[in-house]
Amino acid sequence: MKYIASSAELRLALANSPAPQACSCALGDCTAWESLAEYRWEASQMSAVGTLRDPAIDEPTLEEKHPQGTRYDSPDAPIAPAFFPYNQCDVWHCQRCERHLLRYTEFGGYNVDPRVRELAAGKIID
């Protein structure tokens, strides 16, 4: 999968895409991070765009970036590719609704929790 190394490259990956449409698929709104059971991920309509995971870093930072005081689960939280959880995400494109999505898996103890968030270009920061 192609490595997307910066905010500028991420914006560029979205630049020539059609405008997103409302979608009635199993993903739902997902403007903030949503837990997503595997059965809700409609793989047949998704195509991989790239990854924000730097292949040269074994242990990416768990530090988050919230310059406006948002939180991880806020729909207004910025998308900062060098920070958690974005630095562990893959970027996907839904062919049905034209949305771009961020996806990663949260691991904790015995819990494995796949999560998804819509990738809104206006929320991308450095």
Protein backbone atom coordinates (compact mmCIF):
# COMPACT_ATOMS: atom_id res chain seq x y z
CA MET A 1 0.00 0.00 0.00
CA LYS A 2 1.30 3.48 -0.87
CA TYR A 3 2.70 5.45 2.08
CA ILE A 4 1.17 8.93 2.43
CA ALA A 5 3.90 10.81 4.27
CA SER A 6 2.40 14.23 5.01
CA SER A 7 -0.72 16.33 5.35
CA ALA A 8 0.00 17.82 1.92
CA GLU A 9 0.16 14.36 0.32
CA LEU A 10 -3.07 13.39 2.07
CA ARG A 11 -4.84 16.50 0.74
CA LEU A 12 -3.46 15.73 -2.72
CA ALA A 13 -4.84 12.19 -2.55
CA LEU A 14 -8.31 13.69 -2.02
CA ALA A 15 -8.00 16.60 -4.45
CA ASN A 16 -9.30 14.97 -7.62
CA SER A 17 -12.03 12.91 -6.02
CA PRO A 18 -15.73 13.40 -6.69
CA ALA A 19 -17.68 15.13 -3.93
CA PRO A 20 -18.84 12.74 -1.19
CA GLN A 21 -22.53 11.88 -1.14
CA ALA A 22 -24.84 10.77 1.63
CA CYS A 23 -24.42 7.05 2.09
CA SER A 24 -26.85 4.46 3.35
CA CYS A 25 -24.25 1.72 3.80
CA ALA A 26 -23.54 -0.06 7.09
CA LEU A 27 -20.80 2.41 8.02
CA GLY A 28 -23.20 5.18 8.91
CA ASP A 29 -22.17 8.76 9.59
CA CYS A 30 -18.74 8.14 11.23
CA THR A 31 -17.78 11.82 11.44
CA ALA A 32 -15.97 10.89 14.66
CA TRP A 33 -14.17 7.61 15.44
CA GLU A 34 -16.67 4.76 15.48
CA SER A 35 -16.17 1.17 16.57
CA LEU A 36 -16.89 -0.94 13.55
CA ALA A 37 -17.56 -4.66 13.70
CA GLU A 38 -15.97 -6.47 10.76
CA TYR A 39 -19.35 -7.44 9.32
CA ARG A 40 -20.17 -3.71 8.84
CA TRP A 41 -17.07 -3.09 6.69
CA GLU A 42 -18.38 -3.47 3.15
CA ALA A 43 -15.13 -4.65 1.58
CA SER A 44 -16.58 -5.11 -1.90
CA GLN A 45 -17.20 -1.37 -2.26
CA MET A 46 -13.92 -0.23 -0.66
CA SER A 47 -10.63 0.40 -2.39
CA ALA A 48 -7.34 1.06 -0.63
CA VAL A 49 -5.84 4.51 -1.26
CA GLY A 50 -2.77 4.34 0.96
CA THR A 51 -1.48 4.21 4.50
CA LEU A 52 -0.44 6.87 7.00
CA ARG A 53 1.70 4.30 8.86
CA ASP A 54 5.35 5.14 8.35
CA PRO A 55 7.06 1.84 7.44
CA ALA A 56 10.32 3.10 8.99
CA ILE A 57 8.79 3.49 12.49
CA ASP A 58 8.12 0.35 14.54
CA GLU A 59 6.45 2.14 17.47
CA PRO A 60 4.54 5.23 16.30
CA THR A 61 3.70 7.87 18.90
CA LEU A 62 0.53 7.62 20.95
CA GLU A 63 0.51 11.39 21.39
CA GLU A 64 -2.62 13.10 20.05
CA LYS A 65 -2.89 16.61 18.61
CA HIS A 66 -5.82 18.80 19.69
CA PRO A 67 -4.82 22.47 19.33
CA GLN A 68 -8.43 23.66 19.74
CA GLY A 69 -9.11 21.56 22.86
CA THR A 70 -11.03 18.79 21.08
CA ARG A 71 -10.88 15.14 22.12
CA TYR A 72 -10.19 11.87 20.30
CA ASP A 73 -13.91 11.12 19.91
CA SER A 74 -14.97 14.60 18.79
CA PRO A 75 -16.37 15.08 15.27
CA ASP A 76 -14.41 18.37 15.21
CA ALA A 77 -11.07 16.76 16.14
CA PRO A 78 -8.36 17.58 13.61
CA ILE A 79 -6.84 14.93 11.39
CA ALA A 80 -3.09 15.14 12.09
CA PRO A 81 -1.31 12.37 10.14
CA ALA A 82 1.84 12.35 12.31
CA PHE A 83 -0.17 11.84 15.52
CA PHE A 84 -2.25 9.07 17.06
CA PRO A 85 -4.46 7.47 15.87
CA TYR A 86 -3.93 8.75 12.33
CA ASN A 87 -0.33 7.53 12.25
CA GLN A 88 -1.75 4.00 12.44
CA CYS A 89 -4.44 4.40 9.78
CA ASP A 90 -5.05 3.19 6.29
CA VAL A 91 -7.01 5.39 3.89
CA TRP A 92 -9.92 3.85 1.99
CA HIS A 93 -12.34 5.06 -0.66
CA CYS A 94 -15.99 3.98 -0.74
CA GLN A 95 -17.06 3.52 -4.34
CA ARG A 96 -20.74 3.84 -3.44
CA CYS A 97 -20.73 7.23 -1.70
CA GLU A 98 -17.31 8.57 -2.80
CA ARG A 99 -16.28 9.16 0.82
CA HIS A 100 -12.73 8.63 1.98
CA LEU A 101 -12.35 6.82 5.27
CA LEU A 102 -9.63 6.32 7.84
CA ARG A 103 -9.41 2.88 9.42
CA TYR A 104 -7.24 1.41 12.16
CA THR A 105 -7.48 -1.22 14.86
CA GLU A 106 -7.31 -0.28 18.54
CA PHE A 107 -5.62 -2.96 20.64
CA GLY A 108 -5.91 -3.15 24.41
CA GLY A 109 -5.45 -6.25 26.52
CA TYR A 110 -7.81 -8.85 25.09
CA ASN A 111 -9.83 -6.24 23.20
CA VAL A 112 -9.47 -5.70 19.47
CA ASP A 113 -11.59 -2.83 18.20
CA PRO A 114 -11.61 -1.87 14.51
CA ARG A 115 -12.45 1.83 14.13
CA VAL A 116 -13.38 4.08 11.23
CA ARG A 117 -13.72 7.82 10.66
CA GLU A 118 -14.70 9.81 7.60
CA LEU A 119 -11.73 11.68 6.14
CA ALA A 120 -12.80 15.30 5.78
CA ALA A 121 -10.21 17.35 3.88
CA GLY A 122 -11.05 20.50 5.83
CA LYS A 123 -9.96 18.87 9.09
CA ILE A 124 -6.47 17.87 7.95
CA ILE A 125 -3.68 19.72 9.79
CA ASP A 126 0.11 19.34 10.07
